[in-house]
Amino acid sequence: MQLSEKIKSQRQKLGLTQDELAERSNVTIRTIQRLENGICTPRAYTLKAISAALNLGFEELSAYPDSAEENTEKEINVCDAHNDYKFLVTILLSCYSFLVLPYVHYLIPHYISKKTKNVSANAKEQVDKIVWRQLIWQIALHGLMLSILFYNVFLRRYFFKPLIIDYLTVFFLMIGINSIIITMALIRLRLNNYISLKYSYLSR
């Protein structure tokens, strides 16, 4: 029996649908479908999550020949790429929380990342970069607003008709800039995911 057959038979034995197994193991339905069709090999962390959801020991699934790490990294990445993609989309969408929580919004993607287990180390590294960009934006926003405050106070005190800079204009300009940063990151992520999936199908 192959790994794909074992997963499918155990799922059916427990009376679970593919959707239910995906939910219990916290992986995407596409990953479950790929595994049961024998299209790809999961990483160890995905296999652990699925074995736990199927009430099996990790050793029971990892013992199958087609679950070994001898498969190429490309094959393994194709299998779990959608999990990473979905995770990173969630992270980027959570960054839009700066619209309602402009002071602590960068903590939300950080929290989601810490709570999510079944994603690759590369995806976690990308989250660190995303959070860092948001933190830089936050520091830049506050630094700019303080600079404008000092500038306006200085001009009011020493000049008769000072050229006062409007706080709201700068604030909404910075909001627009961050929205563009997040949106462009989402577009790049979607494009990279599309290209990698297309390449994987063509190379089979």
N, C-alpha and C. Protein backbone atom coordinates (compact mmCIF):
# COMPACT_ATOMS: atom_id res chain seq x y z
N MET A 1 0.85 -1.20 0.00
CA MET A 1 0.00 0.00 0.00
C MET A 1 0.88 1.25 0.00
N GLN A 2 0.54 2.22 -0.80
CA GLN A 2 1.26 3.47 -0.88
C GLN A 2 0.74 4.45 0.17
N LEU A 3 1.52 5.51 0.38
CA LEU A 3 1.12 6.55 1.34
C LEU A 3 -0.24 7.14 0.98
N SER A 4 -0.45 7.41 -0.30
CA SER A 4 -1.71 8.01 -0.75
C SER A 4 -2.89 7.09 -0.42
N GLU A 5 -2.71 5.80 -0.61
CA GLU A 5 -3.79 4.84 -0.33
C GLU A 5 -4.05 4.73 1.16
N LYS A 6 -2.98 4.77 1.96
CA LYS A 6 -3.13 4.68 3.41
C LYS A 6 -3.89 5.87 3.96
N ILE A 7 -3.55 7.06 3.49
CA ILE A 7 -4.25 8.27 3.94
C ILE A 7 -5.72 8.21 3.57
N LYS A 8 -5.99 7.82 2.33
CA LYS A 8 -7.38 7.76 1.86
C LYS A 8 -8.18 6.71 2.62
N SER A 9 -7.60 5.52 2.82
CA SER A 9 -8.34 4.46 3.50
C SER A 9 -8.60 4.80 4.97
N GLN A 10 -7.61 5.43 5.62
CA GLN A 10 -7.79 5.81 7.03
C GLN A 10 -8.82 6.93 7.16
N ARG A 11 -8.80 7.85 6.22
CA ARG A 11 -9.80 8.94 6.22
C ARG A 11 -11.20 8.37 6.08
N GLN A 12 -11.37 7.45 5.14
CA GLN A 12 -12.68 6.84 4.92
C GLN A 12 -13.09 5.98 6.11
N LYS A 13 -12.12 5.34 6.73
CA LYS A 13 -12.40 4.51 7.91
C LYS A 13 -12.95 5.35 9.05
N LEU A 14 -12.45 6.58 9.17
CA LEU A 14 -12.92 7.49 10.21
C LEU A 14 -14.18 8.25 9.80
N GLY A 15 -14.60 8.05 8.56
CA GLY A 15 -15.81 8.71 8.07
C GLY A 15 -15.63 10.19 7.82
N LEU A 16 -14.41 10.57 7.44
CA LEU A 16 -14.11 11.98 7.20
C LEU A 16 -14.12 12.28 5.70
N THR A 17 -14.58 13.46 5.36
CA THR A 17 -14.46 13.93 3.98
C THR A 17 -13.07 14.58 3.83
N GLN A 18 -12.68 14.86 2.63
CA GLN A 18 -11.40 15.53 2.40
C GLN A 18 -11.40 16.92 3.05
N ASP A 19 -12.52 17.60 2.99
CA ASP A 19 -12.64 18.92 3.63
C ASP A 19 -12.45 18.81 5.14
N GLU A 20 -13.07 17.81 5.74
CA GLU A 20 -12.97 17.63 7.20
C GLU A 20 -11.54 17.28 7.62
N LEU A 21 -10.88 16.45 6.82
CA LEU A 21 -9.48 16.11 7.12
C LEU A 21 -8.59 17.34 6.98
N ALA A 22 -8.84 18.13 5.96
CA ALA A 22 -8.06 19.36 5.75
C ALA A 22 -8.23 20.30 6.94
N GLU A 23 -9.46 20.41 7.43
CA GLU A 23 -9.73 21.29 8.57
C GLU A 23 -9.07 20.77 9.84
N ARG A 24 -9.17 19.46 10.07
CA ARG A 24 -8.59 18.88 11.28
C ARG A 24 -7.06 18.94 11.29
N SER A 25 -6.46 18.83 10.13
CA SER A 25 -5.00 18.84 10.05
C SER A 25 -4.42 20.22 9.77
N ASN A 26 -5.32 21.18 9.54
CA ASN A 26 -4.90 22.57 9.27
C ASN A 26 -4.02 22.68 8.03
N VAL A 27 -4.38 21.90 7.00
CA VAL A 27 -3.74 22.05 5.70
C VAL A 27 -4.85 22.31 4.69
N THR A 28 -4.48 22.68 3.48
CA THR A 28 -5.50 23.01 2.49
C THR A 28 -6.11 21.75 1.88
N ILE A 29 -7.32 21.89 1.38
CA ILE A 29 -8.01 20.79 0.71
C ILE A 29 -7.21 20.35 -0.53
N ARG A 30 -6.56 21.30 -1.19
CA ARG A 30 -5.76 20.96 -2.37
C ARG A 30 -4.61 20.03 -2.01
N THR A 31 -4.00 20.26 -0.83
CA THR A 31 -2.90 19.38 -0.39
C THR A 31 -3.41 17.97 -0.15
N ILE A 32 -4.58 17.85 0.50
CA ILE A 32 -5.16 16.53 0.75
C ILE A 32 -5.45 15.82 -0.57
N GLN A 33 -6.01 16.54 -1.50
CA GLN A 33 -6.33 15.96 -2.81
C GLN A 33 -5.06 15.48 -3.52
N ARG A 34 -4.01 16.30 -3.47
CA ARG A 34 -2.75 15.94 -4.12
C ARG A 34 -2.14 14.70 -3.47
N LEU A 35 -2.21 14.63 -2.14
CA LEU A 35 -1.64 13.49 -1.43
C LEU A 35 -2.39 12.20 -1.76
N GLU A 36 -3.71 12.27 -1.74
CA GLU A 36 -4.51 11.07 -2.01
C GLU A 36 -4.41 10.62 -3.46
N ASN A 37 -4.08 11.54 -4.35
CA ASN A 37 -3.90 11.18 -5.75
C ASN A 37 -2.46 10.78 -6.05
N GLY A 38 -1.60 10.83 -5.02
CA GLY A 38 -0.20 10.43 -5.20
C GLY A 38 0.60 11.38 -6.05
N ILE A 39 0.17 12.64 -6.13
CA ILE A 39 0.84 13.61 -6.99
C ILE A 39 2.14 14.12 -6.37
N CYS A 40 2.16 14.21 -5.04
CA CYS A 40 3.34 14.79 -4.40
C CYS A 40 3.59 14.17 -3.04
N THR A 41 4.72 14.54 -2.46
CA THR A 41 5.13 14.05 -1.16
C THR A 41 5.14 15.20 -0.17
N PRO A 42 4.54 15.04 1.01
CA PRO A 42 4.49 16.15 1.97
C PRO A 42 5.77 16.31 2.75
N ARG A 43 5.99 17.49 3.27
CA ARG A 43 7.08 17.70 4.21
C ARG A 43 6.72 17.00 5.51
N ALA A 44 7.71 16.86 6.38
CA ALA A 44 7.53 16.14 7.63
C ALA A 44 6.45 16.78 8.50
N TYR A 45 6.44 18.14 8.58
CA TYR A 45 5.47 18.79 9.46
C TYR A 45 4.04 18.59 8.96
N THR A 46 3.86 18.52 7.63
CA THR A 46 2.53 18.26 7.08
C THR A 46 2.11 16.83 7.37
N LEU A 47 3.04 15.91 7.22
CA LEU A 47 2.76 14.50 7.49
C LEU A 47 2.38 14.29 8.97
N LYS A 48 3.05 15.02 9.86
CA LYS A 48 2.74 14.92 11.29
C LYS A 48 1.32 15.42 11.57
N ALA A 49 0.95 16.52 10.94
CA ALA A 49 -0.38 17.09 11.15
C ALA A 49 -1.47 16.15 10.63
N ILE A 50 -1.22 15.54 9.48
CA ILE A 50 -2.20 14.62 8.88
C ILE A 50 -2.30 13.34 9.69
N SER A 51 -1.16 12.82 10.14
CA SER A 51 -1.19 11.59 10.94
C SER A 51 -1.94 11.81 12.25
N ALA A 52 -1.76 12.97 12.87
CA ALA A 52 -2.49 13.29 14.11
C ALA A 52 -3.99 13.39 13.85
N ALA A 53 -4.35 14.01 12.72
CA ALA A 53 -5.77 14.14 12.37
C ALA A 53 -6.41 12.80 12.06
N LEU A 54 -5.60 11.84 11.60
CA LEU A 54 -6.11 10.50 11.26
C LEU A 54 -5.96 9.51 12.41
N ASN A 55 -5.54 10.02 13.58
CA ASN A 55 -5.32 9.17 14.76
C ASN A 55 -4.27 8.08 14.49
N LEU A 56 -3.25 8.46 13.75
CA LEU A 56 -2.15 7.54 13.45
C LEU A 56 -0.85 8.11 14.01
N GLY A 57 0.09 7.25 14.27
CA GLY A 57 1.40 7.71 14.67
C GLY A 57 2.16 8.21 13.45
N PHE A 58 3.04 9.18 13.67
CA PHE A 58 3.81 9.72 12.56
C PHE A 58 4.63 8.63 11.88
N GLU A 59 5.13 7.69 12.68
CA GLU A 59 5.96 6.60 12.14
C GLU A 59 5.19 5.72 11.16
N GLU A 60 3.86 5.61 11.40
CA GLU A 60 3.05 4.75 10.53
C GLU A 60 2.99 5.29 9.10
N LEU A 61 3.00 6.62 8.97
CA LEU A 61 2.95 7.22 7.63
C LEU A 61 4.34 7.45 7.06
N SER A 62 5.27 7.84 7.92
CA SER A 62 6.62 8.15 7.42
C SER A 62 7.37 6.89 6.97
N ALA A 63 6.86 5.71 7.36
CA ALA A 63 7.51 4.46 6.98
C ALA A 63 7.28 4.10 5.52
N TYR A 64 6.28 4.74 4.88
CA TYR A 64 5.99 4.42 3.48
C TYR A 64 7.08 4.97 2.58
N PRO A 65 7.46 4.22 1.54
CA PRO A 65 8.54 4.65 0.64
C PRO A 65 8.30 6.01 0.01
N ASP A 66 7.04 6.30 -0.36
CA ASP A 66 6.77 7.56 -1.04
C ASP A 66 6.61 8.74 -0.09
N SER A 67 6.96 8.54 1.20
CA SER A 67 6.94 9.65 2.14
C SER A 67 8.36 10.07 2.51
N ALA A 68 9.35 9.43 1.90
CA ALA A 68 10.75 9.68 2.27
C ALA A 68 11.23 11.02 1.75
N GLU A 69 12.29 11.54 2.40
CA GLU A 69 12.85 12.83 2.02
C GLU A 69 13.72 12.75 0.77
N GLU A 70 13.81 11.54 0.16
CA GLU A 70 14.67 11.39 -1.01
C GLU A 70 14.07 12.05 -2.24
N ASN A 71 12.78 12.43 -2.18
CA ASN A 71 12.18 13.13 -3.30
C ASN A 71 12.82 14.49 -3.45
N THR A 72 12.77 15.04 -4.65
CA THR A 72 13.40 16.32 -4.89
C THR A 72 12.67 17.42 -4.14
N GLU A 73 13.42 18.50 -3.86
CA GLU A 73 12.84 19.63 -3.14
C GLU A 73 11.71 20.26 -3.93
N LYS A 74 11.85 20.23 -5.28
CA LYS A 74 10.80 20.79 -6.13
C LYS A 74 9.49 20.06 -5.91
N GLU A 75 9.51 18.74 -5.85
CA GLU A 75 8.30 17.94 -5.66
C GLU A 75 7.68 18.22 -4.30
N ILE A 76 8.53 18.30 -3.28
CA ILE A 76 8.03 18.57 -1.94
C ILE A 76 7.41 19.96 -1.86
N ASN A 77 8.08 20.93 -2.50
CA ASN A 77 7.56 22.29 -2.47
C ASN A 77 6.22 22.41 -3.17
N VAL A 78 6.05 21.68 -4.29
CA VAL A 78 4.78 21.72 -5.01
C VAL A 78 3.65 21.23 -4.12
N CYS A 79 3.93 20.20 -3.35
CA CYS A 79 2.89 19.62 -2.50
C CYS A 79 2.41 20.60 -1.43
N ASP A 80 3.33 21.34 -0.83
CA ASP A 80 2.98 22.22 0.29
C ASP A 80 2.94 23.69 -0.09
N ALA A 81 3.17 23.99 -1.37
CA ALA A 81 3.23 25.39 -1.78
C ALA A 81 1.93 26.13 -1.50
N HIS A 82 0.80 25.45 -1.68
CA HIS A 82 -0.49 26.13 -1.49
C HIS A 82 -0.71 26.46 -0.01
N ASN A 83 -0.22 25.62 0.89
CA ASN A 83 -0.31 25.94 2.32
C ASN A 83 0.44 27.23 2.62
N ASP A 84 1.66 27.34 2.09
CA ASP A 84 2.47 28.54 2.31
C ASP A 84 1.80 29.75 1.68
N TYR A 85 1.26 29.57 0.48
CA TYR A 85 0.59 30.67 -0.22
C TYR A 85 -0.60 31.19 0.57
N LYS A 86 -1.45 30.28 1.01
CA LYS A 86 -2.63 30.66 1.79
C LYS A 86 -2.23 31.36 3.09
N PHE A 87 -1.20 30.84 3.73
CA PHE A 87 -0.69 31.42 4.98
C PHE A 87 -0.19 32.84 4.76
N LEU A 88 0.60 33.06 3.70
CA LEU A 88 1.16 34.38 3.44
C LEU A 88 0.09 35.39 3.01
N VAL A 89 -0.92 34.90 2.29
CA VAL A 89 -2.04 35.79 1.93
C VAL A 89 -2.75 36.26 3.21
N THR A 90 -2.97 35.34 4.14
CA THR A 90 -3.60 35.69 5.42
C THR A 90 -2.76 36.72 6.17
N ILE A 91 -1.46 36.52 6.18
CA ILE A 91 -0.55 37.44 6.85
C ILE A 91 -0.64 38.83 6.24
N LEU A 92 -0.58 38.90 4.91
CA LEU A 92 -0.62 40.20 4.24
C LEU A 92 -1.97 40.90 4.43
N LEU A 93 -3.05 40.13 4.37
CA LEU A 93 -4.37 40.73 4.59
C LEU A 93 -4.51 41.26 6.01
N SER A 94 -3.88 40.56 6.96
CA SER A 94 -3.94 41.03 8.35
C SER A 94 -3.20 42.35 8.54
N CYS A 95 -2.27 42.64 7.61
CA CYS A 95 -1.53 43.91 7.70
C CYS A 95 -2.44 45.11 7.44
N TYR A 96 -3.55 44.89 6.74
CA TYR A 96 -4.50 45.98 6.51
C TYR A 96 -5.17 46.46 7.80
N SER A 97 -4.93 45.72 8.88
CA SER A 97 -5.48 46.14 10.18
C SER A 97 -4.90 47.48 10.63
N PHE A 98 -3.84 47.96 9.94
CA PHE A 98 -3.30 49.27 10.30
C PHE A 98 -4.33 50.38 10.09
N LEU A 99 -5.37 50.09 9.29
CA LEU A 99 -6.42 51.07 9.06
C LEU A 99 -7.25 51.32 10.31
N VAL A 100 -7.32 50.33 11.20
CA VAL A 100 -8.10 50.48 12.44
C VAL A 100 -7.22 50.41 13.69
N LEU A 101 -6.05 49.78 13.56
CA LEU A 101 -5.12 49.67 14.69
C LEU A 101 -3.73 50.15 14.25
N PRO A 102 -3.59 51.46 13.99
CA PRO A 102 -2.35 51.95 13.42
C PRO A 102 -1.12 51.86 14.31
N TYR A 103 -1.29 51.62 15.60
CA TYR A 103 -0.15 51.61 16.51
C TYR A 103 0.40 50.21 16.81
N VAL A 104 -0.45 49.21 16.75
CA VAL A 104 -0.02 47.85 17.12
C VAL A 104 -0.39 46.82 16.05
N HIS A 105 -0.73 47.26 14.86
CA HIS A 105 -1.23 46.33 13.84
C HIS A 105 -0.20 45.28 13.44
N TYR A 106 1.09 45.62 13.51
CA TYR A 106 2.14 44.67 13.11
C TYR A 106 2.22 43.47 14.04
N LEU A 107 1.60 43.57 15.22
CA LEU A 107 1.57 42.44 16.15
C LEU A 107 0.62 41.34 15.68
N ILE A 108 -0.37 41.69 14.85
CA ILE A 108 -1.36 40.72 14.39
C ILE A 108 -0.74 39.68 13.46
N PRO A 109 -0.02 40.08 12.39
CA PRO A 109 0.63 39.04 11.56
C PRO A 109 1.67 38.25 12.34
N HIS A 110 2.34 38.90 13.28
CA HIS A 110 3.32 38.20 14.12
C HIS A 110 2.64 37.11 14.96
N TYR A 111 1.46 37.44 15.51
CA TYR A 111 0.70 36.49 16.33
C TYR A 111 0.21 35.32 15.47
N ILE A 112 -0.32 35.62 14.29
CA ILE A 112 -0.81 34.58 13.38
C ILE A 112 0.32 33.63 13.00
N SER A 113 1.50 34.20 12.75
CA SER A 113 2.66 33.38 12.38
C SER A 113 3.06 32.43 13.50
N LYS A 114 3.03 32.93 14.74
CA LYS A 114 3.42 32.10 15.88
C LYS A 114 2.43 30.96 16.12
N LYS A 115 1.16 31.21 15.82
CA LYS A 115 0.12 30.21 16.05
C LYS A 115 0.02 29.17 14.93
N THR A 116 0.53 29.49 13.75
CA THR A 116 0.43 28.60 12.60
C THR A 116 1.66 27.70 12.54
N LYS A 117 1.43 26.40 12.48
CA LYS A 117 2.52 25.43 12.52
C LYS A 117 2.86 24.82 11.16
N ASN A 118 1.84 24.49 10.37
CA ASN A 118 2.07 23.69 9.16
C ASN A 118 2.46 24.52 7.94
N VAL A 119 3.52 25.32 8.11
CA VAL A 119 4.06 26.07 6.97
C VAL A 119 5.58 25.95 6.99
N SER A 120 6.19 26.25 5.86
CA SER A 120 7.63 26.06 5.74
C SER A 120 8.41 27.16 6.46
N ALA A 121 9.70 26.88 6.67
CA ALA A 121 10.60 27.85 7.30
C ALA A 121 10.76 29.07 6.39
N ASN A 122 10.71 28.85 5.08
CA ASN A 122 10.81 29.95 4.13
C ASN A 122 9.63 30.91 4.27
N ALA A 123 8.43 30.35 4.47
CA ALA A 123 7.24 31.19 4.66
C ALA A 123 7.36 32.00 5.95
N LYS A 124 7.89 31.39 7.00
CA LYS A 124 8.09 32.09 8.27
C LYS A 124 9.08 33.24 8.11
N GLU A 125 10.12 33.01 7.30
CA GLU A 125 11.11 34.06 7.05
C GLU A 125 10.46 35.24 6.31
N GLN A 126 9.58 34.92 5.38
CA GLN A 126 8.88 35.98 4.65
C GLN A 126 7.99 36.80 5.58
N VAL A 127 7.39 36.12 6.57
CA VAL A 127 6.56 36.83 7.55
C VAL A 127 7.41 37.82 8.33
N ASP A 128 8.60 37.41 8.72
CA ASP A 128 9.51 38.31 9.45
C ASP A 128 9.78 39.57 8.64
N LYS A 129 9.97 39.40 7.32
CA LYS A 129 10.23 40.56 6.46
C LYS A 129 8.99 41.45 6.36
N ILE A 130 7.81 40.82 6.27
CA ILE A 130 6.56 41.58 6.19
C ILE A 130 6.34 42.39 7.46
N VAL A 131 6.52 41.75 8.61
CA VAL A 131 6.34 42.43 9.89
C VAL A 131 7.35 43.56 10.04
N TRP A 132 8.60 43.30 9.61
CA TRP A 132 9.64 44.32 9.71
C TRP A 132 9.30 45.54 8.85
N ARG A 133 8.76 45.32 7.64
CA ARG A 133 8.36 46.45 6.78
C ARG A 133 7.24 47.27 7.43
N GLN A 134 6.31 46.57 8.07
CA GLN A 134 5.22 47.27 8.74
C GLN A 134 5.73 48.07 9.94
N LEU A 135 6.69 47.52 10.62
CA LEU A 135 7.28 48.22 11.77
C LEU A 135 8.02 49.47 11.31
N ILE A 136 8.74 49.35 10.20
CA ILE A 136 9.44 50.51 9.64
C ILE A 136 8.45 51.58 9.23
N TRP A 137 7.34 51.15 8.60
CA TRP A 137 6.30 52.11 8.21
C TRP A 137 5.75 52.83 9.44
N GLN A 138 5.52 52.09 10.51
CA GLN A 138 4.99 52.66 11.74
C GLN A 138 5.96 53.71 12.32
N ILE A 139 7.24 53.37 12.35
CA ILE A 139 8.25 54.31 12.85
C ILE A 139 8.33 55.54 11.96
N ALA A 140 8.27 55.32 10.64
CA ALA A 140 8.33 56.44 9.70
C ALA A 140 7.13 57.36 9.87
N LEU A 141 5.95 56.78 10.06
CA LEU A 141 4.74 57.57 10.26
C LEU A 141 4.86 58.47 11.48
N HIS A 142 5.27 57.88 12.60
CA HIS A 142 5.37 58.66 13.83
C HIS A 142 6.51 59.68 13.76
N GLY A 143 7.61 59.28 13.13
CA GLY A 143 8.71 60.23 12.98
C GLY A 143 8.32 61.42 12.12
N LEU A 144 7.58 61.15 11.06
CA LEU A 144 7.13 62.21 10.16
C LEU A 144 6.15 63.14 10.86
N MET A 145 5.21 62.56 11.61
CA MET A 145 4.21 63.39 12.32
C MET A 145 4.88 64.27 13.38
N LEU A 146 5.87 63.73 14.09
CA LEU A 146 6.60 64.52 15.08
C LEU A 146 7.41 65.63 14.42
N SER A 147 8.00 65.33 13.28
CA SER A 147 8.77 66.34 12.54
C SER A 147 7.88 67.49 12.10
N ILE A 148 6.68 67.14 11.64
CA ILE A 148 5.73 68.16 11.21
C ILE A 148 5.30 69.01 12.40
N LEU A 149 5.09 68.37 13.55
CA LEU A 149 4.72 69.10 14.76
C LEU A 149 5.78 70.14 15.12
N PHE A 150 7.03 69.70 15.17
CA PHE A 150 8.12 70.62 15.51
C PHE A 150 8.27 71.73 14.47
N TYR A 151 8.09 71.36 13.20
CA TYR A 151 8.19 72.33 12.11
C TYR A 151 7.10 73.40 12.24
N ASN A 152 5.86 72.96 12.48
CA ASN A 152 4.76 73.90 12.59
C ASN A 152 4.90 74.80 13.81
N VAL A 153 5.31 74.22 14.93
CA VAL A 153 5.52 75.02 16.16
C VAL A 153 6.61 76.06 15.94
N PHE A 154 7.69 75.65 15.30
CA PHE A 154 8.81 76.55 15.03
C PHE A 154 8.37 77.72 14.15
N LEU A 155 7.63 77.42 13.07
CA LEU A 155 7.19 78.47 12.15
C LEU A 155 6.20 79.42 12.80
N ARG A 156 5.30 78.89 13.59
CA ARG A 156 4.31 79.75 14.27
C ARG A 156 4.99 80.71 15.25
N ARG A 157 6.07 80.24 15.83
CA ARG A 157 6.73 81.05 16.86
C ARG A 157 7.63 82.14 16.26
N TYR A 158 8.28 81.86 15.13
CA TYR A 158 9.29 82.78 14.61
C TYR A 158 8.92 83.47 13.31
N PHE A 159 7.81 83.07 12.68
CA PHE A 159 7.43 83.71 11.43
C PHE A 159 6.01 84.24 11.51
N PHE A 160 5.79 85.39 10.84
CA PHE A 160 4.49 86.04 10.91
C PHE A 160 3.43 85.26 10.13
N LYS A 161 3.74 84.83 8.90
CA LYS A 161 2.80 84.04 8.09
C LYS A 161 3.47 82.71 7.71
N PRO A 162 3.48 81.79 8.65
CA PRO A 162 4.18 80.51 8.38
C PRO A 162 3.41 79.62 7.40
N LEU A 163 4.16 78.79 6.70
CA LEU A 163 3.57 77.79 5.80
C LEU A 163 3.36 76.51 6.60
N ILE A 164 2.17 76.38 7.16
CA ILE A 164 1.86 75.24 8.04
C ILE A 164 1.55 74.01 7.21
N ILE A 165 2.13 72.88 7.59
CA ILE A 165 1.86 71.60 6.93
C ILE A 165 0.67 70.92 7.61
N ASP A 166 -0.28 70.47 6.81
CA ASP A 166 -1.49 69.83 7.35
C ASP A 166 -1.19 68.38 7.77
N TYR A 167 -1.51 68.06 9.03
CA TYR A 167 -1.23 66.71 9.56
C TYR A 167 -2.03 65.63 8.83
N LEU A 168 -3.31 65.93 8.60
CA LEU A 168 -4.18 64.92 8.00
C LEU A 168 -3.74 64.54 6.59
N THR A 169 -3.27 65.54 5.84
CA THR A 169 -2.81 65.27 4.47
C THR A 169 -1.65 64.27 4.49
N VAL A 170 -0.69 64.52 5.37
CA VAL A 170 0.48 63.63 5.48
C VAL A 170 0.06 62.25 6.00
N PHE A 171 -0.84 62.24 6.98
CA PHE A 171 -1.31 60.98 7.57
C PHE A 171 -1.97 60.09 6.51
N PHE A 172 -2.89 60.67 5.73
CA PHE A 172 -3.57 59.88 4.71
C PHE A 172 -2.64 59.51 3.55
N LEU A 173 -1.64 60.33 3.30
CA LEU A 173 -0.63 60.00 2.30
C LEU A 173 0.15 58.76 2.72
N MET A 174 0.52 58.69 4.00
CA MET A 174 1.25 57.54 4.52
C MET A 174 0.37 56.29 4.52
N ILE A 175 -0.92 56.44 4.81
CA ILE A 175 -1.85 55.31 4.74
C ILE A 175 -1.93 54.78 3.31
N GLY A 176 -1.99 55.69 2.35
CA GLY A 176 -2.02 55.30 0.95
C GLY A 176 -0.76 54.55 0.54
N ILE A 177 0.39 55.03 1.00
CA ILE A 177 1.66 54.38 0.69
C ILE A 177 1.70 52.96 1.24
N ASN A 178 1.26 52.78 2.49
CA ASN A 178 1.28 51.44 3.08
C ASN A 178 0.28 50.51 2.41
N SER A 179 -0.85 51.04 2.01
CA SER A 179 -1.84 50.23 1.29
C SER A 179 -1.25 49.72 -0.03
N ILE A 180 -0.50 50.59 -0.70
CA ILE A 180 0.14 50.20 -1.96
C ILE A 180 1.20 49.13 -1.71
N ILE A 181 1.98 49.29 -0.63
CA ILE A 181 3.02 48.31 -0.28
C ILE A 181 2.41 46.92 -0.07
N ILE A 182 1.32 46.87 0.71
CA ILE A 182 0.67 45.59 1.01
C ILE A 182 0.05 44.99 -0.25
N THR A 183 -0.64 45.83 -1.03
CA THR A 183 -1.30 45.36 -2.24
C THR A 183 -0.29 44.82 -3.25
N MET A 184 0.83 45.51 -3.42
CA MET A 184 1.86 45.06 -4.35
C MET A 184 2.46 43.73 -3.89
N ALA A 185 2.62 43.56 -2.57
CA ALA A 185 3.14 42.30 -2.03
C ALA A 185 2.17 41.16 -2.32
N LEU A 186 0.87 41.43 -2.20
CA LEU A 186 -0.14 40.42 -2.51
C LEU A 186 -0.11 40.04 -3.99
N ILE A 187 0.04 41.03 -4.85
CA ILE A 187 0.09 40.77 -6.29
C ILE A 187 1.31 39.94 -6.64
N ARG A 188 2.48 40.29 -6.06
CA ARG A 188 3.70 39.52 -6.32
C ARG A 188 3.57 38.08 -5.83
N LEU A 189 2.96 37.92 -4.66
CA LEU A 189 2.77 36.59 -4.10
C LEU A 189 1.88 35.74 -4.99
N ARG A 190 0.79 36.32 -5.46
CA ARG A 190 -0.15 35.60 -6.34
C ARG A 190 0.53 35.24 -7.66
N LEU A 191 1.32 36.16 -8.17
CA LEU A 191 2.02 35.93 -9.44
C LEU A 191 3.06 34.82 -9.29
N ASN A 192 3.83 34.86 -8.21
CA ASN A 192 4.84 33.83 -7.96
C ASN A 192 4.21 32.46 -7.77
N ASN A 193 3.06 32.43 -7.08
CA ASN A 193 2.36 31.17 -6.87
C ASN A 193 1.86 30.60 -8.20
N TYR A 194 1.33 31.46 -9.04
CA TYR A 194 0.84 31.03 -10.35
C TYR A 194 1.98 30.49 -11.21
N ILE A 195 3.11 31.18 -11.21
CA ILE A 195 4.26 30.77 -12.02
C ILE A 195 4.82 29.43 -11.53
N SER A 196 4.93 29.28 -10.20
CA SER A 196 5.50 28.03 -9.65
C SER A 196 4.58 26.85 -9.93
N LEU A 197 3.26 27.04 -9.84
CA LEU A 197 2.33 25.96 -10.14
C LEU A 197 2.35 25.60 -11.62
N LYS A 198 2.42 26.62 -12.45
CA LYS A 198 2.46 26.37 -13.89
C LYS A 198 3.73 25.63 -14.27
N TYR A 199 4.84 26.02 -13.66
CA TYR A 199 6.13 25.36 -13.94
C TYR A 199 6.10 23.91 -13.48
N SER A 200 5.48 23.67 -12.33
CA SER A 200 5.44 22.31 -11.80
C SER A 200 4.62 21.39 -12.69
N TYR A 201 3.53 21.91 -13.27
CA TYR A 201 2.71 21.09 -14.16
C TYR A 201 3.44 20.83 -15.48
N LEU A 202 4.15 21.83 -15.99
CA LEU A 202 4.85 21.68 -17.26
C LEU A 202 6.03 20.73 -17.14
N SER A 203 6.64 20.68 -15.94
CA SER A 203 7.83 19.85 -15.77
C SER A 203 7.50 18.40 -15.45
N ARG A 204 6.23 18.08 -15.31
CA ARG A 204 5.86 16.68 -15.02
C ARG A 204 5.82 15.85 -16.30
